N, C-alpha and C. Protein backbone atom coordinates (compact mmCIF):
# COMPACT_ATOMS: atom_id res chain seq x y z
N UNK A 1 122.72 97.69 75.93
CA UNK A 1 121.77 98.51 75.24
C UNK A 1 122.46 99.30 74.15
N UNK A 2 121.70 99.66 73.19
CA UNK A 2 122.29 100.35 72.06
C UNK A 2 122.25 101.85 72.18
N UNK A 3 121.48 102.41 73.06
CA UNK A 3 121.44 103.85 73.20
C UNK A 3 120.45 104.30 74.25
N UNK A 4 120.41 105.60 74.52
CA UNK A 4 119.50 106.13 75.52
C UNK A 4 118.07 105.80 75.14
N UNK A 5 117.32 105.31 76.10
CA UNK A 5 115.93 104.96 75.88
C UNK A 5 115.71 103.61 75.24
N UNK A 6 116.79 102.90 74.88
CA UNK A 6 116.64 101.58 74.26
C UNK A 6 116.03 100.61 75.27
N UNK A 7 115.23 99.73 74.78
CA UNK A 7 114.60 98.74 75.67
C UNK A 7 115.52 97.53 75.83
N UNK A 8 115.53 96.98 77.05
CA UNK A 8 116.22 95.71 77.22
C UNK A 8 115.51 94.64 76.39
N UNK A 9 116.11 93.48 76.28
CA UNK A 9 115.50 92.37 75.55
C UNK A 9 115.29 91.20 76.50
N UNK A 10 114.37 90.35 76.14
CA UNK A 10 114.04 89.17 76.92
C UNK A 10 114.20 87.94 76.03
N UNK A 11 114.62 86.84 76.63
CA UNK A 11 114.81 85.60 75.89
C UNK A 11 113.47 85.07 75.38
N UNK A 12 113.50 84.58 74.17
CA UNK A 12 112.31 83.97 73.60
C UNK A 12 111.76 82.85 74.47
N UNK A 13 112.64 82.10 75.13
CA UNK A 13 112.20 81.00 76.00
C UNK A 13 111.33 81.51 77.14
N UNK A 14 111.73 82.64 77.74
CA UNK A 14 110.94 83.19 78.85
C UNK A 14 109.60 83.71 78.35
N UNK A 15 109.62 84.40 77.24
CA UNK A 15 108.38 84.91 76.67
C UNK A 15 107.43 83.76 76.34
N UNK A 16 107.96 82.70 75.76
CA UNK A 16 107.15 81.52 75.45
C UNK A 16 106.59 80.92 76.74
N UNK A 17 107.38 80.96 77.81
CA UNK A 17 106.93 80.46 79.11
C UNK A 17 105.73 81.23 79.63
N UNK A 18 105.81 82.56 79.56
CA UNK A 18 104.68 83.38 80.01
C UNK A 18 103.44 83.10 79.17
N UNK A 19 103.62 83.02 77.86
CA UNK A 19 102.49 82.73 76.98
C UNK A 19 101.86 81.39 77.35
N UNK A 20 102.69 80.39 77.62
CA UNK A 20 102.20 79.06 77.98
C UNK A 20 101.42 79.08 79.29
N UNK A 21 101.94 79.79 80.29
CA UNK A 21 101.25 79.86 81.60
C UNK A 21 99.92 80.60 81.44
N UNK A 22 99.93 81.70 80.72
CA UNK A 22 98.68 82.43 80.49
C UNK A 22 97.66 81.57 79.76
N UNK A 23 98.12 80.81 78.78
CA UNK A 23 97.22 79.93 78.04
C UNK A 23 96.67 78.83 78.94
N UNK A 24 97.53 78.20 79.73
CA UNK A 24 97.10 77.14 80.62
C UNK A 24 96.06 77.63 81.63
N UNK A 25 96.20 78.86 82.06
CA UNK A 25 95.26 79.43 83.03
C UNK A 25 94.00 80.00 82.37
N UNK A 26 93.94 79.96 81.05
CA UNK A 26 92.78 80.49 80.34
C UNK A 26 92.75 82.01 80.27
N UNK A 27 93.88 82.67 80.50
CA UNK A 27 93.95 84.13 80.52
C UNK A 27 94.45 84.72 79.20
N UNK A 28 95.00 83.91 78.35
CA UNK A 28 95.64 84.43 77.14
C UNK A 28 94.67 85.18 76.22
N UNK A 29 93.46 84.69 75.97
CA UNK A 29 92.57 85.46 75.08
C UNK A 29 92.27 86.87 75.60
N UNK A 30 92.06 87.00 76.92
CA UNK A 30 91.78 88.32 77.49
C UNK A 30 92.99 89.23 77.38
N UNK A 31 94.16 88.69 77.68
CA UNK A 31 95.40 89.47 77.60
C UNK A 31 95.65 89.87 76.16
N UNK A 32 95.52 88.93 75.26
CA UNK A 32 95.77 89.18 73.84
C UNK A 32 94.89 90.31 73.31
N UNK A 33 93.66 90.38 73.79
CA UNK A 33 92.72 91.41 73.32
C UNK A 33 93.14 92.82 73.72
N UNK A 34 93.98 92.95 74.75
CA UNK A 34 94.35 94.28 75.25
C UNK A 34 95.73 94.76 74.81
N UNK A 35 96.45 93.96 74.05
CA UNK A 35 97.81 94.35 73.66
C UNK A 35 97.81 94.87 72.21
N UNK A 36 98.93 95.45 71.81
CA UNK A 36 99.06 96.00 70.46
C UNK A 36 99.06 94.88 69.41
N UNK A 37 98.85 95.28 68.17
CA UNK A 37 98.85 94.31 67.07
C UNK A 37 100.21 93.60 66.97
N UNK A 38 101.29 94.34 67.18
CA UNK A 38 102.63 93.74 67.13
C UNK A 38 102.82 92.67 68.20
N UNK A 39 102.33 92.93 69.39
CA UNK A 39 102.44 91.94 70.47
C UNK A 39 101.53 90.75 70.21
N UNK A 40 100.34 91.00 69.66
CA UNK A 40 99.45 89.87 69.30
C UNK A 40 100.13 88.96 68.29
N UNK A 41 100.84 89.56 67.33
CA UNK A 41 101.54 88.77 66.33
C UNK A 41 102.60 87.88 66.99
N UNK A 42 103.30 88.40 67.97
CA UNK A 42 104.33 87.61 68.66
C UNK A 42 103.69 86.53 69.53
N UNK A 43 102.55 86.85 70.16
CA UNK A 43 101.83 85.84 70.94
C UNK A 43 101.40 84.70 70.02
N UNK A 44 100.88 85.05 68.85
CA UNK A 44 100.40 84.04 67.89
C UNK A 44 101.53 83.25 67.26
N UNK A 45 102.70 83.85 67.12
CA UNK A 45 103.86 83.22 66.51
C UNK A 45 105.08 83.46 67.40
N UNK A 46 105.16 82.76 68.54
CA UNK A 46 106.24 83.03 69.50
C UNK A 46 107.63 82.87 68.88
N UNK A 47 108.57 83.64 69.38
CA UNK A 47 109.94 83.58 68.86
C UNK A 47 110.61 82.27 69.24
N UNK A 48 111.69 81.94 68.56
CA UNK A 48 112.48 80.78 68.95
C UNK A 48 112.98 80.97 70.37
N UNK A 49 113.09 79.91 71.13
CA UNK A 49 113.55 80.04 72.52
C UNK A 49 114.90 80.75 72.67
N UNK A 50 115.79 80.59 71.70
CA UNK A 50 117.12 81.19 71.83
C UNK A 50 117.20 82.60 71.24
N UNK A 51 116.08 83.13 70.79
CA UNK A 51 116.09 84.49 70.24
C UNK A 51 115.87 85.51 71.35
N UNK A 52 116.09 86.78 71.03
CA UNK A 52 115.91 87.88 71.97
C UNK A 52 114.88 88.83 71.39
N UNK A 53 113.93 89.24 72.23
CA UNK A 53 112.82 90.09 71.82
C UNK A 53 112.78 91.31 72.72
N UNK A 54 112.48 92.48 72.15
CA UNK A 54 112.36 93.68 72.96
C UNK A 54 111.34 93.46 74.07
N UNK A 55 111.62 93.98 75.26
CA UNK A 55 110.77 93.73 76.42
C UNK A 55 109.38 94.34 76.30
N UNK A 56 109.15 95.19 75.32
CA UNK A 56 107.83 95.78 75.14
C UNK A 56 106.74 94.72 75.10
N UNK A 57 107.01 93.59 74.48
CA UNK A 57 106.03 92.51 74.38
C UNK A 57 105.65 92.02 75.78
N UNK A 58 106.65 91.73 76.60
CA UNK A 58 106.41 91.26 77.97
C UNK A 58 105.71 92.34 78.79
N UNK A 59 106.15 93.58 78.61
CA UNK A 59 105.56 94.69 79.37
C UNK A 59 104.08 94.85 79.03
N UNK A 60 103.74 94.77 77.75
CA UNK A 60 102.33 94.87 77.36
C UNK A 60 101.51 93.73 77.93
N UNK A 61 102.07 92.53 77.91
CA UNK A 61 101.34 91.38 78.45
C UNK A 61 101.11 91.53 79.95
N UNK A 62 102.13 91.96 80.71
CA UNK A 62 101.99 92.12 82.15
C UNK A 62 101.04 93.26 82.48
N UNK A 63 101.09 94.34 81.70
CA UNK A 63 100.18 95.46 81.92
C UNK A 63 98.73 95.03 81.68
N UNK A 64 98.51 94.31 80.60
CA UNK A 64 97.16 93.84 80.29
C UNK A 64 96.65 92.90 81.38
N UNK A 65 97.50 91.97 81.81
CA UNK A 65 97.11 91.03 82.86
C UNK A 65 96.80 91.78 84.15
N UNK A 66 97.64 92.75 84.50
CA UNK A 66 97.40 93.52 85.72
C UNK A 66 96.12 94.31 85.67
N UNK A 67 95.84 94.95 84.54
CA UNK A 67 94.59 95.70 84.42
C UNK A 67 93.38 94.78 84.50
N UNK A 68 93.52 93.56 83.98
CA UNK A 68 92.41 92.61 84.01
C UNK A 68 92.21 91.96 85.38
N UNK A 69 93.32 91.54 85.99
CA UNK A 69 93.23 90.68 87.18
C UNK A 69 93.95 91.20 88.42
N UNK A 70 94.75 92.26 88.30
CA UNK A 70 95.42 92.85 89.45
C UNK A 70 96.84 92.35 89.66
N UNK A 71 97.53 93.04 90.56
CA UNK A 71 98.95 92.78 90.83
C UNK A 71 99.21 91.37 91.34
N UNK A 72 98.33 90.86 92.19
CA UNK A 72 98.57 89.54 92.78
C UNK A 72 98.58 88.45 91.72
N UNK A 73 97.72 88.57 90.73
CA UNK A 73 97.70 87.58 89.65
C UNK A 73 98.96 87.71 88.80
N UNK A 74 99.41 88.94 88.56
CA UNK A 74 100.66 89.14 87.83
C UNK A 74 101.80 88.46 88.57
N UNK A 75 101.87 88.66 89.88
CA UNK A 75 102.93 88.05 90.69
C UNK A 75 102.84 86.53 90.66
N UNK A 76 101.63 86.01 90.74
CA UNK A 76 101.42 84.56 90.74
C UNK A 76 101.81 83.94 89.40
N UNK A 77 101.44 84.59 88.30
CA UNK A 77 101.81 84.10 86.96
C UNK A 77 103.32 84.14 86.80
N UNK A 78 103.96 85.20 87.29
CA UNK A 78 105.42 85.31 87.20
C UNK A 78 106.11 84.21 87.99
N UNK A 79 105.63 83.91 89.18
CA UNK A 79 106.24 82.84 89.97
C UNK A 79 106.03 81.49 89.30
N UNK A 80 104.83 81.23 88.79
CA UNK A 80 104.60 79.96 88.10
C UNK A 80 105.51 79.83 86.88
N UNK A 81 105.67 80.92 86.15
CA UNK A 81 106.56 80.88 84.99
C UNK A 81 107.99 80.64 85.42
N UNK A 82 108.42 81.31 86.49
CA UNK A 82 109.78 81.11 87.00
C UNK A 82 109.99 79.66 87.41
N UNK A 83 109.02 79.09 88.08
CA UNK A 83 109.13 77.69 88.55
C UNK A 83 109.15 76.70 87.40
N UNK A 84 108.18 76.82 86.51
CA UNK A 84 107.93 75.76 85.54
C UNK A 84 108.59 75.96 84.19
N UNK A 85 108.79 77.18 83.79
CA UNK A 85 109.31 77.44 82.45
C UNK A 85 110.76 77.92 82.48
N UNK A 86 111.06 78.90 83.35
CA UNK A 86 112.43 79.39 83.46
C UNK A 86 113.26 78.50 84.39
N UNK A 87 112.60 77.87 85.32
CA UNK A 87 113.27 77.05 86.32
C UNK A 87 114.23 76.01 85.80
N UNK A 88 113.86 75.24 84.78
CA UNK A 88 114.79 74.23 84.27
C UNK A 88 116.13 74.81 83.81
N UNK A 89 116.13 76.09 83.43
CA UNK A 89 117.38 76.72 83.01
C UNK A 89 118.07 77.39 84.19
N UNK A 90 117.31 78.13 84.98
CA UNK A 90 117.93 78.98 86.01
C UNK A 90 118.14 78.26 87.35
N UNK A 91 117.34 77.27 87.71
CA UNK A 91 117.51 76.61 89.01
C UNK A 91 118.85 75.90 89.12
N UNK A 92 119.34 75.18 88.11
CA UNK A 92 120.69 74.61 88.24
C UNK A 92 121.76 75.68 88.48
N UNK A 93 121.62 76.82 87.81
CA UNK A 93 122.54 77.93 88.02
C UNK A 93 122.44 78.44 89.46
N UNK A 94 121.20 78.55 89.97
CA UNK A 94 120.99 78.99 91.35
C UNK A 94 121.65 78.02 92.32
N UNK A 95 121.49 76.74 92.08
CA UNK A 95 122.09 75.74 92.98
C UNK A 95 123.61 75.79 92.94
N UNK A 96 124.18 76.09 91.77
CA UNK A 96 125.63 76.25 91.68
C UNK A 96 126.08 77.43 92.53
N UNK A 97 125.37 78.55 92.44
CA UNK A 97 125.70 79.71 93.26
C UNK A 97 125.60 79.38 94.75
N UNK A 98 124.56 78.65 95.12
CA UNK A 98 124.39 78.27 96.52
C UNK A 98 125.53 77.37 96.99
N UNK A 99 125.98 76.46 96.12
CA UNK A 99 127.09 75.58 96.47
C UNK A 99 128.40 76.34 96.63
N UNK A 100 128.57 77.38 95.83
CA UNK A 100 129.80 78.17 95.90
C UNK A 100 129.82 79.17 97.04
N UNK A 101 128.70 79.83 97.28
CA UNK A 101 128.69 80.95 98.22
C UNK A 101 127.75 80.80 99.40
N UNK A 102 127.20 79.62 99.62
CA UNK A 102 126.34 79.40 100.78
C UNK A 102 124.88 79.29 100.40
N UNK A 103 124.19 78.42 101.09
CA UNK A 103 122.80 78.11 100.75
C UNK A 103 121.82 79.07 101.42
N UNK A 104 121.95 80.35 101.09
CA UNK A 104 121.02 81.36 101.61
C UNK A 104 120.52 82.21 100.45
N UNK A 105 119.36 82.82 100.62
CA UNK A 105 118.89 83.73 99.58
C UNK A 105 119.88 84.85 99.30
N UNK A 106 120.65 85.26 100.30
CA UNK A 106 121.63 86.32 100.08
C UNK A 106 122.60 85.95 98.97
N UNK A 107 123.01 84.67 98.91
CA UNK A 107 123.92 84.22 97.85
C UNK A 107 123.30 84.42 96.48
N UNK A 108 121.99 84.21 96.38
CA UNK A 108 121.31 84.39 95.10
C UNK A 108 121.11 85.87 94.79
N UNK A 109 120.64 86.63 95.77
CA UNK A 109 120.37 88.04 95.51
C UNK A 109 121.66 88.81 95.21
N UNK A 110 122.78 88.42 95.81
CA UNK A 110 124.05 89.09 95.50
C UNK A 110 124.43 88.91 94.04
N UNK A 111 123.91 87.88 93.42
CA UNK A 111 124.22 87.60 92.01
C UNK A 111 122.99 87.77 91.12
N UNK A 112 122.06 88.61 91.56
CA UNK A 112 120.81 88.79 90.83
C UNK A 112 121.06 89.29 89.40
N UNK A 113 122.11 90.08 89.20
CA UNK A 113 122.41 90.55 87.85
C UNK A 113 122.77 89.39 86.93
N UNK A 114 123.45 88.39 87.47
CA UNK A 114 123.79 87.21 86.65
C UNK A 114 122.55 86.36 86.38
N UNK A 115 121.72 86.19 87.41
CA UNK A 115 120.50 85.40 87.24
C UNK A 115 119.56 86.08 86.25
N UNK A 116 119.39 87.39 86.38
CA UNK A 116 118.53 88.11 85.45
C UNK A 116 119.08 88.04 84.03
N UNK A 117 120.41 88.01 83.91
CA UNK A 117 121.05 87.98 82.61
C UNK A 117 120.80 86.71 81.82
N UNK A 118 120.35 85.66 82.50
CA UNK A 118 120.03 84.42 81.80
C UNK A 118 118.84 84.64 80.86
N UNK A 119 117.89 85.47 81.29
CA UNK A 119 116.67 85.67 80.51
C UNK A 119 116.44 87.10 80.04
N UNK A 120 117.29 88.03 80.44
CA UNK A 120 117.12 89.42 80.01
C UNK A 120 118.48 90.06 79.76
N UNK A 121 118.54 90.85 78.71
CA UNK A 121 119.77 91.59 78.39
C UNK A 121 119.48 93.08 78.45
N UNK A 122 120.49 93.83 78.86
CA UNK A 122 120.35 95.27 78.89
C UNK A 122 119.58 95.80 80.08
N UNK A 123 119.40 94.97 81.10
CA UNK A 123 118.66 95.37 82.28
C UNK A 123 119.66 95.70 83.39
N UNK A 124 119.50 96.84 84.03
CA UNK A 124 120.36 97.24 85.12
C UNK A 124 119.68 96.85 86.44
N UNK A 125 120.15 95.76 87.04
CA UNK A 125 119.57 95.27 88.29
C UNK A 125 120.72 94.95 89.25
N UNK A 126 120.58 95.41 90.49
CA UNK A 126 121.61 95.17 91.51
C UNK A 126 120.94 94.82 92.83
N UNK A 127 121.73 94.27 93.73
CA UNK A 127 121.25 93.94 95.07
C UNK A 127 122.04 94.75 96.08
N UNK A 128 121.33 95.36 97.02
CA UNK A 128 121.95 96.12 98.09
C UNK A 128 121.58 95.45 99.41
N UNK A 129 122.54 94.75 100.07
CA UNK A 129 122.23 94.10 101.34
C UNK A 129 121.98 95.13 102.45
N UNK A 130 121.07 94.80 103.36
CA UNK A 130 120.81 95.66 104.51
C UNK A 130 121.20 94.94 105.80
N UNK A 131 120.87 93.66 105.89
CA UNK A 131 121.27 92.79 107.00
C UNK A 131 121.63 91.45 106.38
N UNK A 132 122.11 90.47 107.17
CA UNK A 132 122.38 89.15 106.59
C UNK A 132 121.14 88.44 106.04
N UNK A 133 119.95 88.93 106.40
CA UNK A 133 118.74 88.28 105.90
C UNK A 133 117.75 89.27 105.28
N UNK A 134 118.28 90.38 104.76
CA UNK A 134 117.40 91.32 104.06
C UNK A 134 118.21 92.26 103.19
N UNK A 135 117.52 92.87 102.27
CA UNK A 135 118.15 93.82 101.38
C UNK A 135 117.14 94.34 100.38
N UNK A 136 117.64 94.90 99.30
CA UNK A 136 116.75 95.43 98.27
C UNK A 136 117.35 95.16 96.90
N UNK A 137 116.49 94.76 95.98
CA UNK A 137 116.87 94.62 94.59
C UNK A 137 116.48 95.94 93.93
N UNK A 138 117.45 96.54 93.23
CA UNK A 138 117.21 97.83 92.61
C UNK A 138 117.29 97.71 91.09
N UNK A 139 116.35 98.36 90.43
CA UNK A 139 116.27 98.36 88.98
C UNK A 139 116.45 99.78 88.46
N UNK A 140 117.09 99.91 87.32
CA UNK A 140 117.13 101.17 86.58
C UNK A 140 116.82 100.82 85.13
N UNK A 141 115.71 101.34 84.66
CA UNK A 141 115.30 101.17 83.26
C UNK A 141 115.56 102.48 82.52
N UNK A 142 115.74 102.43 81.21
CA UNK A 142 115.90 103.66 80.44
C UNK A 142 114.57 104.37 80.18
N UNK A 143 113.49 103.85 80.71
CA UNK A 143 112.13 104.36 80.55
C UNK A 143 111.33 103.78 81.72
N UNK A 144 110.11 104.18 81.88
CA UNK A 144 109.25 103.65 82.95
C UNK A 144 108.45 102.46 82.43
N UNK A 145 108.77 101.23 82.88
CA UNK A 145 108.09 100.06 82.34
C UNK A 145 106.68 99.81 82.89
N UNK A 146 106.33 100.45 83.99
CA UNK A 146 105.00 100.28 84.58
C UNK A 146 105.01 99.39 85.81
N UNK A 147 104.06 99.64 86.68
CA UNK A 147 103.98 98.94 87.96
C UNK A 147 103.83 97.43 87.80
N UNK A 148 103.10 96.99 86.79
CA UNK A 148 102.86 95.55 86.66
C UNK A 148 104.13 94.79 86.23
N UNK A 149 105.04 95.47 85.56
CA UNK A 149 106.33 94.84 85.23
C UNK A 149 107.10 94.59 86.53
N UNK A 150 107.11 95.58 87.41
CA UNK A 150 107.79 95.39 88.69
C UNK A 150 107.08 94.31 89.52
N UNK A 151 105.76 94.24 89.42
CA UNK A 151 105.02 93.19 90.13
C UNK A 151 105.44 91.81 89.65
N UNK A 152 105.74 91.69 88.34
CA UNK A 152 106.17 90.38 87.84
C UNK A 152 107.52 89.99 88.44
N UNK A 153 108.42 90.98 88.63
CA UNK A 153 109.70 90.68 89.29
C UNK A 153 109.46 90.26 90.74
N UNK A 154 108.54 90.95 91.42
CA UNK A 154 108.21 90.60 92.81
C UNK A 154 107.80 89.13 92.90
N UNK A 155 106.96 88.71 91.98
CA UNK A 155 106.51 87.32 91.99
C UNK A 155 107.63 86.34 91.71
N UNK A 156 108.44 86.63 90.69
CA UNK A 156 109.51 85.71 90.30
C UNK A 156 110.55 85.54 91.40
N UNK A 157 110.80 86.59 92.18
CA UNK A 157 111.84 86.49 93.22
C UNK A 157 111.50 85.52 94.34
N UNK A 158 110.25 85.13 94.48
CA UNK A 158 109.90 84.12 95.48
C UNK A 158 110.60 82.79 95.20
N UNK A 159 110.99 82.57 93.96
CA UNK A 159 111.70 81.34 93.60
C UNK A 159 112.99 81.20 94.42
N UNK A 160 113.65 82.30 94.73
CA UNK A 160 114.88 82.24 95.53
C UNK A 160 114.60 81.61 96.89
N UNK A 161 113.50 81.96 97.51
CA UNK A 161 113.16 81.39 98.81
C UNK A 161 112.83 79.90 98.69
N UNK A 162 112.11 79.55 97.63
CA UNK A 162 111.75 78.15 97.42
C UNK A 162 112.99 77.29 97.21
N UNK A 163 113.92 77.75 96.41
CA UNK A 163 115.14 76.99 96.13
C UNK A 163 115.97 76.82 97.41
N UNK A 164 115.96 77.84 98.26
CA UNK A 164 116.72 77.78 99.52
C UNK A 164 115.95 77.09 100.65
N UNK A 165 114.66 76.84 100.46
CA UNK A 165 113.85 76.20 101.48
C UNK A 165 113.59 77.08 102.70
N UNK A 166 113.42 78.39 102.48
CA UNK A 166 113.15 79.31 103.58
C UNK A 166 111.87 80.09 103.30
N UNK A 167 111.32 80.67 104.35
CA UNK A 167 110.18 81.57 104.20
C UNK A 167 110.73 82.97 104.03
N UNK A 168 110.09 83.72 103.18
CA UNK A 168 110.54 85.08 102.96
C UNK A 168 109.43 85.97 102.46
N UNK A 169 109.70 87.25 102.42
CA UNK A 169 108.74 88.22 101.92
C UNK A 169 109.41 89.12 100.88
N UNK A 170 108.61 89.51 99.93
CA UNK A 170 109.03 90.43 98.88
C UNK A 170 108.13 91.65 99.00
N UNK A 171 108.73 92.80 99.18
CA UNK A 171 107.94 94.03 99.29
C UNK A 171 107.45 94.52 97.94
N UNK A 172 106.55 95.46 98.00
CA UNK A 172 106.05 96.09 96.77
C UNK A 172 107.11 97.05 96.25
N UNK A 173 107.28 97.08 94.96
CA UNK A 173 108.28 97.96 94.34
C UNK A 173 108.01 99.40 94.72
N UNK A 174 109.07 100.04 95.18
CA UNK A 174 109.03 101.47 95.50
C UNK A 174 109.65 102.19 94.30
N UNK A 175 108.81 102.85 93.52
CA UNK A 175 109.29 103.48 92.29
C UNK A 175 109.75 104.92 92.54
N UNK A 176 110.72 105.35 91.74
CA UNK A 176 111.19 106.73 91.77
C UNK A 176 111.59 107.12 90.34
N UNK A 177 112.02 108.37 90.19
CA UNK A 177 112.46 108.86 88.89
C UNK A 177 111.40 108.60 87.81
N UNK A 178 110.15 108.90 88.15
CA UNK A 178 109.06 108.73 87.20
C UNK A 178 108.78 107.29 86.82
N UNK A 179 109.19 106.33 87.65
CA UNK A 179 108.98 104.91 87.37
C UNK A 179 110.15 104.24 86.69
N UNK A 180 111.19 105.00 86.37
CA UNK A 180 112.38 104.42 85.74
C UNK A 180 113.19 103.59 86.73
N UNK A 181 113.10 103.94 87.98
CA UNK A 181 113.84 103.22 89.03
C UNK A 181 112.86 102.58 89.98
N UNK A 182 113.26 101.44 90.52
CA UNK A 182 112.43 100.78 91.53
C UNK A 182 113.33 100.03 92.49
N UNK A 183 112.85 99.93 93.70
CA UNK A 183 113.55 99.22 94.77
C UNK A 183 112.55 98.21 95.35
N UNK A 184 112.93 96.94 95.33
CA UNK A 184 112.08 95.88 95.87
C UNK A 184 112.80 95.28 97.08
N UNK A 185 112.22 95.46 98.24
CA UNK A 185 112.82 94.94 99.47
C UNK A 185 112.53 93.45 99.61
N UNK A 186 113.56 92.70 100.04
CA UNK A 186 113.43 91.27 100.26
C UNK A 186 113.91 90.95 101.67
N UNK A 187 113.24 90.00 102.31
CA UNK A 187 113.58 89.60 103.68
C UNK A 187 113.26 88.13 103.84
N UNK A 188 114.08 87.39 104.55
CA UNK A 188 113.84 85.96 104.74
C UNK A 188 114.25 85.55 106.14
N UNK A 189 113.91 84.30 106.47
CA UNK A 189 114.26 83.76 107.78
C UNK A 189 115.76 83.83 108.00
N UNK A 190 116.16 84.35 109.15
CA UNK A 190 117.59 84.43 109.48
C UNK A 190 118.10 83.03 109.88
N UNK A 191 119.40 82.87 109.77
CA UNK A 191 120.01 81.62 110.24
C UNK A 191 119.97 80.48 109.26
N UNK A 192 119.59 80.75 108.03
CA UNK A 192 119.53 79.69 107.02
C UNK A 192 120.61 79.90 106.00
C-alpha cells in the first residue's frame, strides 16, 4: 500500500470473473444500477486481466449485490467466481501447496496470504490455527470495506474444502475496530 487509508488492489482477471458470473446469472443490470458512475464505467469496460484496480470497484459490486439479494447470494457468487474464473489460476497453486505441506485445508489456510496475493495486493490477511482442523482467517483493512465484502471472502474460502475433498464450514465474519478488522472461523473434517 502506498499510505494510510490506501485501498488494496484487485487483479483485473478477478474483477472480470465477478462481472462474468453476475452477467451469467442475470444480476449485472441490477448491480450496475446501484454502483457509482466510476464503477459502472469499469463494468462496461473491464480492465485487462493483468492490470490492478482499486478494490473500491469490487466492494461496490458486492455491496450492491448484498443489498439486492443478501449475504448468501454474495457468498454463492464469490464461490462460483473462485471455482470458474479464479480457479484456473489459483487451483494449480493450491495443489502445489497441498503436495508440499499435506493435503489438508490447514496447508492452504496457513498460506492464505500467498493465495490471496495472486488476486489482491495490499491486503493484510493471516491464518491463526486453533486445532489441526480449525482456525480463523484474520483481515486488517485500512478502512471498513463492509459486511458484504467479508461475505464474499466467506464464500470463496469454500474452494479450499472442495480442492481437498473434505466437508467444512466457514463462519460469519466477526468484525471489530469499526469494521476494519474481521475474523472468519473455518473448520473441516478432522483426519484428512
